[in-house]
Amino acid sequence: MWTCPNCNSTFKITNQNHFCDSTNNFLSGKTEVSLALYRELLSTLEKIGPIILRETKSMMVIASDTAFAYIIKLGKNFIDIVLPFNEPFAENLCFRKIALVPGSNQYNHHLRIMTLSDFNEEVTEYFRKAYANGKNISTTRA
């Protein structure tokens, strides 16, 4: 593990490229609606397991052992999230776009959350799958 001497963030890769700043820049000037959605997202994910937040210049990375979700936009009344998977989950009611990342076998699943009720069981189950990928564990339940 490597710890950035400027911001004390820890990474598996020495000298990991990152943006040394707090989440305050990413959240600065956002509406109470989008901040409430952001807080609910974090609360939902923390019920699944411990998470690490890392801000970049263009997004917020959410990780367990490795990155498993990305907040790509906090709008006035929504939050856009990307969950990467190695297969497309086409049979769902929550993703507005599923796209193969060029040159890889990864499919980015785009999710737009507009209300607190959008954090339903289907969305939470996909968060569990993504979290498990970030921990490299199986999502099979007993």
N, C-alpha and C. Protein backbone atom coordinates (compact mmCIF):
# COMPACT_ATOMS: atom_id res chain seq x y z
N MET A 1 0.84 -1.18 0.00
CA MET A 1 0.00 0.00 0.00
C MET A 1 0.89 1.24 0.00
N TRP A 2 0.41 2.25 -0.74
CA TRP A 2 1.11 3.52 -0.80
C TRP A 2 0.17 4.60 -0.28
N THR A 3 0.68 5.50 0.52
CA THR A 3 -0.08 6.62 1.06
C THR A 3 0.46 7.91 0.47
N CYS A 4 -0.44 8.69 -0.11
CA CYS A 4 -0.04 9.97 -0.68
C CYS A 4 0.40 10.90 0.46
N PRO A 5 1.59 11.47 0.36
CA PRO A 5 2.06 12.35 1.43
C PRO A 5 1.31 13.68 1.52
N ASN A 6 0.58 14.04 0.47
CA ASN A 6 -0.15 15.31 0.47
C ASN A 6 -1.54 15.20 1.08
N CYS A 7 -2.28 14.12 0.74
CA CYS A 7 -3.68 14.02 1.18
C CYS A 7 -3.95 12.81 2.06
N ASN A 8 -2.95 11.96 2.27
CA ASN A 8 -3.06 10.76 3.11
C ASN A 8 -4.00 9.70 2.56
N SER A 9 -4.37 9.79 1.27
CA SER A 9 -5.16 8.73 0.64
C SER A 9 -4.26 7.52 0.43
N THR A 10 -4.82 6.32 0.60
CA THR A 10 -4.03 5.10 0.41
C THR A 10 -4.43 4.42 -0.89
N PHE A 11 -3.45 3.84 -1.56
CA PHE A 11 -3.64 3.19 -2.86
C PHE A 11 -2.81 1.91 -2.91
N LYS A 12 -3.24 0.97 -3.74
CA LYS A 12 -2.48 -0.25 -3.95
C LYS A 12 -1.27 -0.01 -4.84
N ILE A 13 -1.33 1.02 -5.70
CA ILE A 13 -0.27 1.31 -6.65
C ILE A 13 0.56 2.49 -6.14
N THR A 14 1.86 2.34 -6.10
CA THR A 14 2.75 3.41 -5.69
C THR A 14 2.63 4.58 -6.66
N ASN A 15 2.56 5.78 -6.11
CA ASN A 15 2.41 7.02 -6.89
C ASN A 15 1.15 7.02 -7.75
N GLN A 16 0.08 6.41 -7.27
CA GLN A 16 -1.20 6.38 -8.00
C GLN A 16 -1.63 7.79 -8.38
N ASN A 17 -1.97 7.96 -9.66
CA ASN A 17 -2.46 9.25 -10.13
C ASN A 17 -3.82 9.52 -9.48
N HIS A 18 -3.98 10.67 -8.87
CA HIS A 18 -5.24 11.03 -8.22
C HIS A 18 -5.27 12.54 -8.03
N PHE A 19 -6.39 13.03 -7.55
CA PHE A 19 -6.59 14.45 -7.31
C PHE A 19 -6.58 14.66 -5.80
N CYS A 20 -5.56 15.33 -5.30
CA CYS A 20 -5.43 15.57 -3.86
C CYS A 20 -6.37 16.69 -3.45
N ASP A 21 -7.51 16.34 -2.98
CA ASP A 21 -8.45 17.32 -2.47
C ASP A 21 -9.55 16.56 -1.75
N SER A 22 -10.37 17.27 -1.06
CA SER A 22 -11.48 16.64 -0.37
C SER A 22 -12.68 16.57 -1.30
N THR A 23 -13.72 15.92 -0.87
CA THR A 23 -14.95 15.85 -1.65
C THR A 23 -15.66 17.20 -1.70
N ASN A 24 -15.16 18.18 -0.96
CA ASN A 24 -15.81 19.49 -0.93
C ASN A 24 -15.83 20.15 -2.30
N ASN A 25 -14.77 19.97 -3.11
CA ASN A 25 -14.78 20.56 -4.45
C ASN A 25 -15.88 19.94 -5.30
N PHE A 26 -16.02 18.64 -5.24
CA PHE A 26 -17.02 17.94 -6.04
C PHE A 26 -18.43 18.33 -5.62
N LEU A 27 -18.62 18.59 -4.35
CA LEU A 27 -19.95 18.88 -3.81
C LEU A 27 -20.24 20.38 -3.74
N SER A 28 -19.26 21.19 -3.98
CA SER A 28 -19.43 22.63 -3.87
C SER A 28 -20.50 23.15 -4.82
N GLY A 29 -21.42 23.95 -4.27
CA GLY A 29 -22.45 24.59 -5.07
C GLY A 29 -23.60 23.69 -5.50
N LYS A 30 -23.67 22.47 -4.99
CA LYS A 30 -24.74 21.55 -5.38
C LYS A 30 -26.02 21.85 -4.61
N THR A 31 -27.15 21.49 -5.20
CA THR A 31 -28.44 21.73 -4.56
C THR A 31 -28.67 20.76 -3.41
N GLU A 32 -29.60 21.11 -2.55
CA GLU A 32 -29.94 20.21 -1.43
C GLU A 32 -30.50 18.89 -1.96
N VAL A 33 -31.20 18.92 -3.09
CA VAL A 33 -31.74 17.69 -3.69
C VAL A 33 -30.60 16.75 -4.07
N SER A 34 -29.61 17.26 -4.80
CA SER A 34 -28.51 16.39 -5.22
C SER A 34 -27.65 15.96 -4.03
N LEU A 35 -27.50 16.82 -3.04
CA LEU A 35 -26.73 16.44 -1.85
C LEU A 35 -27.46 15.36 -1.06
N ALA A 36 -28.79 15.43 -1.00
CA ALA A 36 -29.57 14.39 -0.31
C ALA A 36 -29.41 13.05 -1.04
N LEU A 37 -29.43 13.08 -2.37
CA LEU A 37 -29.21 11.86 -3.15
C LEU A 37 -27.81 11.31 -2.92
N TYR A 38 -26.83 12.18 -2.87
CA TYR A 38 -25.44 11.78 -2.61
C TYR A 38 -25.32 11.11 -1.23
N ARG A 39 -25.91 11.73 -0.22
CA ARG A 39 -25.86 11.15 1.13
C ARG A 39 -26.56 9.80 1.19
N GLU A 40 -27.69 9.68 0.48
CA GLU A 40 -28.40 8.40 0.47
C GLU A 40 -27.59 7.33 -0.26
N LEU A 41 -26.91 7.71 -1.33
CA LEU A 41 -26.03 6.76 -2.03
C LEU A 41 -24.96 6.24 -1.08
N LEU A 42 -24.29 7.14 -0.40
CA LEU A 42 -23.25 6.71 0.54
C LEU A 42 -23.81 5.83 1.64
N SER A 43 -24.96 6.20 2.17
CA SER A 43 -25.60 5.41 3.21
C SER A 43 -25.94 4.01 2.71
N THR A 44 -26.48 3.92 1.50
CA THR A 44 -26.84 2.62 0.91
C THR A 44 -25.60 1.77 0.73
N LEU A 45 -24.53 2.37 0.21
CA LEU A 45 -23.30 1.60 -0.03
C LEU A 45 -22.63 1.19 1.27
N GLU A 46 -22.65 2.05 2.27
CA GLU A 46 -22.01 1.72 3.55
C GLU A 46 -22.75 0.61 4.28
N LYS A 47 -24.03 0.39 3.98
CA LYS A 47 -24.76 -0.75 4.53
C LYS A 47 -24.27 -2.06 3.92
N ILE A 48 -23.73 -1.98 2.71
CA ILE A 48 -23.18 -3.16 2.04
C ILE A 48 -21.79 -3.47 2.59
N GLY A 49 -20.99 -2.44 2.81
CA GLY A 49 -19.64 -2.63 3.34
C GLY A 49 -18.89 -1.32 3.36
N PRO A 50 -17.69 -1.32 3.95
CA PRO A 50 -16.91 -0.09 4.02
C PRO A 50 -16.50 0.39 2.63
N ILE A 51 -16.53 1.70 2.43
CA ILE A 51 -16.17 2.27 1.13
C ILE A 51 -15.10 3.34 1.32
N ILE A 52 -14.42 3.62 0.22
CA ILE A 52 -13.42 4.67 0.16
C ILE A 52 -13.84 5.61 -0.97
N LEU A 53 -13.81 6.91 -0.72
CA LEU A 53 -14.14 7.90 -1.74
C LEU A 53 -12.87 8.58 -2.20
N ARG A 54 -12.75 8.72 -3.52
CA ARG A 54 -11.61 9.44 -4.09
C ARG A 54 -12.13 10.39 -5.15
N GLU A 55 -11.74 11.64 -5.02
CA GLU A 55 -12.16 12.64 -6.00
C GLU A 55 -11.12 12.74 -7.10
N THR A 56 -11.59 12.82 -8.35
CA THR A 56 -10.73 13.16 -9.47
C THR A 56 -11.19 14.52 -9.98
N LYS A 57 -10.60 14.98 -11.05
CA LYS A 57 -11.02 16.28 -11.58
C LYS A 57 -12.42 16.22 -12.18
N SER A 58 -12.86 15.03 -12.60
CA SER A 58 -14.14 14.95 -13.31
C SER A 58 -15.18 14.05 -12.66
N MET A 59 -14.82 13.32 -11.62
CA MET A 59 -15.77 12.38 -11.01
C MET A 59 -15.34 12.01 -9.61
N MET A 60 -16.22 11.27 -8.93
CA MET A 60 -15.94 10.72 -7.63
C MET A 60 -15.84 9.20 -7.79
N VAL A 61 -14.74 8.63 -7.35
CA VAL A 61 -14.52 7.19 -7.44
C VAL A 61 -14.93 6.58 -6.10
N ILE A 62 -15.69 5.49 -6.16
CA ILE A 62 -16.09 4.77 -4.95
C ILE A 62 -15.43 3.41 -5.01
N ALA A 63 -14.70 3.06 -3.94
CA ALA A 63 -13.93 1.82 -3.93
C ALA A 63 -14.17 1.05 -2.65
N SER A 64 -13.96 -0.25 -2.75
CA SER A 64 -13.80 -1.11 -1.57
C SER A 64 -12.31 -1.40 -1.55
N ASP A 65 -11.87 -2.56 -2.05
CA ASP A 65 -10.44 -2.78 -2.26
C ASP A 65 -10.00 -2.09 -3.56
N THR A 66 -10.86 -2.16 -4.58
CA THR A 66 -10.63 -1.46 -5.84
C THR A 66 -11.90 -0.70 -6.21
N ALA A 67 -11.79 0.16 -7.20
CA ALA A 67 -12.95 0.97 -7.61
C ALA A 67 -14.06 0.07 -8.13
N PHE A 68 -15.29 0.38 -7.73
CA PHE A 68 -16.44 -0.40 -8.19
C PHE A 68 -17.60 0.47 -8.67
N ALA A 69 -17.52 1.78 -8.48
CA ALA A 69 -18.58 2.69 -8.91
C ALA A 69 -17.99 4.08 -9.09
N TYR A 70 -18.65 4.84 -9.95
CA TYR A 70 -18.18 6.19 -10.24
C TYR A 70 -19.38 7.14 -10.27
N ILE A 71 -19.30 8.22 -9.51
CA ILE A 71 -20.29 9.27 -9.62
C ILE A 71 -19.75 10.21 -10.70
N ILE A 72 -20.45 10.27 -11.83
CA ILE A 72 -19.93 11.06 -12.93
C ILE A 72 -20.57 12.44 -13.02
N LYS A 73 -21.72 12.60 -12.35
CA LYS A 73 -22.34 13.93 -12.37
C LYS A 73 -23.34 14.07 -11.22
N LEU A 74 -23.29 15.22 -10.58
CA LEU A 74 -24.30 15.62 -9.62
C LEU A 74 -25.02 16.81 -10.24
N GLY A 75 -26.22 16.57 -10.76
CA GLY A 75 -27.00 17.63 -11.36
C GLY A 75 -27.82 18.36 -10.32
N LYS A 76 -28.70 19.24 -10.76
CA LYS A 76 -29.55 19.98 -9.83
C LYS A 76 -30.51 19.07 -9.08
N ASN A 77 -31.00 18.04 -9.79
CA ASN A 77 -31.99 17.15 -9.16
C ASN A 77 -31.74 15.68 -9.48
N PHE A 78 -30.48 15.32 -9.73
CA PHE A 78 -30.16 13.92 -10.01
C PHE A 78 -28.68 13.66 -9.72
N ILE A 79 -28.36 12.38 -9.71
CA ILE A 79 -26.98 11.93 -9.58
C ILE A 79 -26.78 10.82 -10.60
N ASP A 80 -25.72 10.92 -11.42
CA ASP A 80 -25.40 9.90 -12.41
C ASP A 80 -24.27 9.03 -11.89
N ILE A 81 -24.49 7.73 -11.96
CA ILE A 81 -23.55 6.75 -11.43
C ILE A 81 -23.23 5.74 -12.53
N VAL A 82 -21.98 5.30 -12.59
CA VAL A 82 -21.59 4.24 -13.51
C VAL A 82 -21.08 3.06 -12.70
N LEU A 83 -21.61 1.88 -13.02
CA LEU A 83 -21.15 0.63 -12.41
C LEU A 83 -20.52 -0.23 -13.51
N PRO A 84 -19.25 -0.58 -13.40
CA PRO A 84 -18.61 -1.42 -14.41
C PRO A 84 -18.79 -2.91 -14.08
N PHE A 85 -19.17 -3.67 -15.09
CA PHE A 85 -19.30 -5.13 -14.95
C PHE A 85 -18.64 -5.79 -16.16
N ASN A 86 -18.28 -7.06 -16.01
CA ASN A 86 -17.68 -7.80 -17.12
C ASN A 86 -18.71 -8.46 -18.02
N GLU A 87 -19.96 -8.18 -17.78
CA GLU A 87 -21.04 -8.68 -18.63
C GLU A 87 -22.16 -7.64 -18.63
N PRO A 88 -22.94 -7.59 -19.69
CA PRO A 88 -24.06 -6.64 -19.72
C PRO A 88 -25.26 -7.23 -18.99
N PHE A 89 -25.88 -6.45 -18.14
CA PHE A 89 -27.12 -6.86 -17.46
C PHE A 89 -28.27 -6.14 -18.14
N ALA A 90 -28.68 -6.68 -19.26
CA ALA A 90 -29.69 -6.02 -20.10
C ALA A 90 -31.10 -6.12 -19.52
N GLU A 91 -31.38 -7.17 -18.76
CA GLU A 91 -32.72 -7.37 -18.20
C GLU A 91 -32.84 -6.65 -16.87
N ASN A 92 -33.11 -5.35 -16.94
CA ASN A 92 -33.24 -4.55 -15.73
C ASN A 92 -34.18 -3.38 -15.99
N LEU A 93 -34.58 -2.73 -14.93
CA LEU A 93 -35.42 -1.55 -15.05
C LEU A 93 -34.70 -0.28 -14.61
N CYS A 94 -33.41 -0.39 -14.31
CA CYS A 94 -32.74 0.77 -13.71
C CYS A 94 -31.67 1.43 -14.57
N PHE A 95 -31.01 0.69 -15.45
CA PHE A 95 -29.92 1.30 -16.22
C PHE A 95 -30.46 1.99 -17.46
N ARG A 96 -30.03 3.21 -17.68
CA ARG A 96 -30.49 3.95 -18.86
C ARG A 96 -29.58 3.72 -20.05
N LYS A 97 -28.37 3.19 -19.79
CA LYS A 97 -27.43 2.92 -20.88
C LYS A 97 -26.46 1.85 -20.40
N ILE A 98 -26.14 0.91 -21.29
CA ILE A 98 -25.11 -0.10 -21.04
C ILE A 98 -24.20 -0.06 -22.25
N ALA A 99 -22.91 0.19 -22.02
CA ALA A 99 -21.99 0.35 -23.14
C ALA A 99 -20.70 -0.41 -22.90
N LEU A 100 -20.26 -1.13 -23.93
CA LEU A 100 -18.98 -1.82 -23.89
C LEU A 100 -17.87 -0.78 -23.96
N VAL A 101 -16.92 -0.87 -23.04
CA VAL A 101 -15.77 0.03 -23.05
C VAL A 101 -14.85 -0.43 -24.18
N PRO A 102 -14.54 0.43 -25.14
CA PRO A 102 -13.72 0.02 -26.28
C PRO A 102 -12.39 -0.62 -25.84
N GLY A 103 -12.07 -1.72 -26.49
CA GLY A 103 -10.81 -2.41 -26.21
C GLY A 103 -10.80 -3.21 -24.94
N SER A 104 -11.97 -3.49 -24.37
CA SER A 104 -12.03 -4.26 -23.12
C SER A 104 -13.24 -5.20 -23.14
N ASN A 105 -13.36 -5.97 -22.09
CA ASN A 105 -14.56 -6.79 -21.91
C ASN A 105 -15.44 -6.22 -20.80
N GLN A 106 -15.27 -4.94 -20.52
CA GLN A 106 -16.03 -4.29 -19.46
C GLN A 106 -17.21 -3.52 -20.04
N TYR A 107 -18.35 -3.66 -19.38
CA TYR A 107 -19.57 -2.94 -19.75
C TYR A 107 -19.89 -1.92 -18.66
N ASN A 108 -19.97 -0.67 -19.04
CA ASN A 108 -20.36 0.37 -18.10
C ASN A 108 -21.87 0.48 -18.09
N HIS A 109 -22.44 0.37 -16.91
CA HIS A 109 -23.89 0.45 -16.70
C HIS A 109 -24.20 1.82 -16.09
N HIS A 110 -24.90 2.65 -16.83
CA HIS A 110 -25.20 4.02 -16.42
C HIS A 110 -26.56 4.08 -15.73
N LEU A 111 -26.55 4.70 -14.57
CA LEU A 111 -27.73 4.77 -13.71
C LEU A 111 -27.95 6.23 -13.33
N ARG A 112 -29.17 6.71 -13.49
CA ARG A 112 -29.52 8.06 -13.04
C ARG A 112 -30.51 7.93 -11.89
N ILE A 113 -30.12 8.47 -10.74
CA ILE A 113 -30.96 8.48 -9.55
C ILE A 113 -31.58 9.88 -9.43
N MET A 114 -32.92 9.92 -9.38
CA MET A 114 -33.60 11.22 -9.32
C MET A 114 -34.39 11.44 -8.02
N THR A 115 -34.73 10.35 -7.34
CA THR A 115 -35.46 10.46 -6.08
C THR A 115 -34.90 9.45 -5.09
N LEU A 116 -35.16 9.67 -3.83
CA LEU A 116 -34.70 8.72 -2.81
C LEU A 116 -35.31 7.34 -3.02
N SER A 117 -36.53 7.29 -3.58
CA SER A 117 -37.17 6.00 -3.81
C SER A 117 -36.49 5.21 -4.93
N ASP A 118 -35.62 5.86 -5.72
CA ASP A 118 -34.86 5.14 -6.75
C ASP A 118 -33.84 4.19 -6.15
N PHE A 119 -33.52 4.36 -4.87
CA PHE A 119 -32.62 3.42 -4.18
C PHE A 119 -33.43 2.20 -3.75
N ASN A 120 -33.97 1.49 -4.73
CA ASN A 120 -34.84 0.34 -4.46
C ASN A 120 -34.02 -0.95 -4.41
N GLU A 121 -34.70 -2.07 -4.25
CA GLU A 121 -34.01 -3.36 -4.10
C GLU A 121 -33.22 -3.73 -5.36
N GLU A 122 -33.76 -3.45 -6.54
CA GLU A 122 -33.04 -3.78 -7.77
C GLU A 122 -31.72 -3.00 -7.84
N VAL A 123 -31.77 -1.71 -7.60
CA VAL A 123 -30.57 -0.88 -7.63
C VAL A 123 -29.58 -1.35 -6.56
N THR A 124 -30.09 -1.60 -5.37
CA THR A 124 -29.23 -2.05 -4.27
C THR A 124 -28.56 -3.37 -4.60
N GLU A 125 -29.26 -4.26 -5.27
CA GLU A 125 -28.67 -5.55 -5.66
C GLU A 125 -27.52 -5.34 -6.65
N TYR A 126 -27.67 -4.42 -7.58
CA TYR A 126 -26.57 -4.12 -8.50
C TYR A 126 -25.41 -3.46 -7.75
N PHE A 127 -25.70 -2.64 -6.75
CA PHE A 127 -24.63 -2.08 -5.92
C PHE A 127 -23.88 -3.21 -5.20
N ARG A 128 -24.61 -4.21 -4.71
CA ARG A 128 -23.96 -5.36 -4.05
C ARG A 128 -23.04 -6.10 -5.01
N LYS A 129 -23.52 -6.33 -6.24
CA LYS A 129 -22.69 -6.99 -7.25
C LYS A 129 -21.43 -6.19 -7.55
N ALA A 130 -21.59 -4.89 -7.73
CA ALA A 130 -20.45 -4.03 -8.02
C ALA A 130 -19.48 -4.01 -6.84
N TYR A 131 -20.01 -3.92 -5.62
CA TYR A 131 -19.16 -3.93 -4.43
C TYR A 131 -18.37 -5.24 -4.36
N ALA A 132 -19.04 -6.34 -4.62
CA ALA A 132 -18.36 -7.65 -4.60
C ALA A 132 -17.23 -7.69 -5.62
N ASN A 133 -17.44 -7.09 -6.79
CA ASN A 133 -16.38 -7.02 -7.79
C ASN A 133 -15.20 -6.21 -7.25
N GLY A 134 -15.48 -5.15 -6.52
CA GLY A 134 -14.43 -4.34 -5.92
C GLY A 134 -13.68 -5.05 -4.81
N LYS A 135 -14.31 -6.04 -4.22
CA LYS A 135 -13.69 -6.85 -3.18
C LYS A 135 -13.21 -8.20 -3.72
N ASN A 136 -13.54 -8.48 -5.00
CA ASN A 136 -13.21 -9.77 -5.63
C ASN A 136 -13.79 -10.93 -4.81
N ILE A 137 -15.08 -10.78 -4.45
CA ILE A 137 -15.76 -11.85 -3.72
C ILE A 137 -17.01 -12.27 -4.51
N SER A 138 -17.53 -13.42 -4.19
CA SER A 138 -18.73 -13.94 -4.85
C SER A 138 -19.96 -13.27 -4.27
N THR A 139 -20.97 -13.05 -5.15
CA THR A 139 -22.23 -12.46 -4.67
C THR A 139 -23.28 -13.53 -4.41
N THR A 140 -22.91 -14.80 -4.50
CA THR A 140 -23.87 -15.87 -4.26
C THR A 140 -24.28 -15.84 -2.79
N ARG A 141 -25.59 -15.88 -2.59
CA ARG A 141 -26.12 -15.85 -1.22
C ARG A 141 -26.51 -17.25 -0.79
N ALA A 142 -26.36 -17.51 0.50
CA ALA A 142 -26.72 -18.82 1.05
C ALA A 142 -28.22 -18.94 1.22
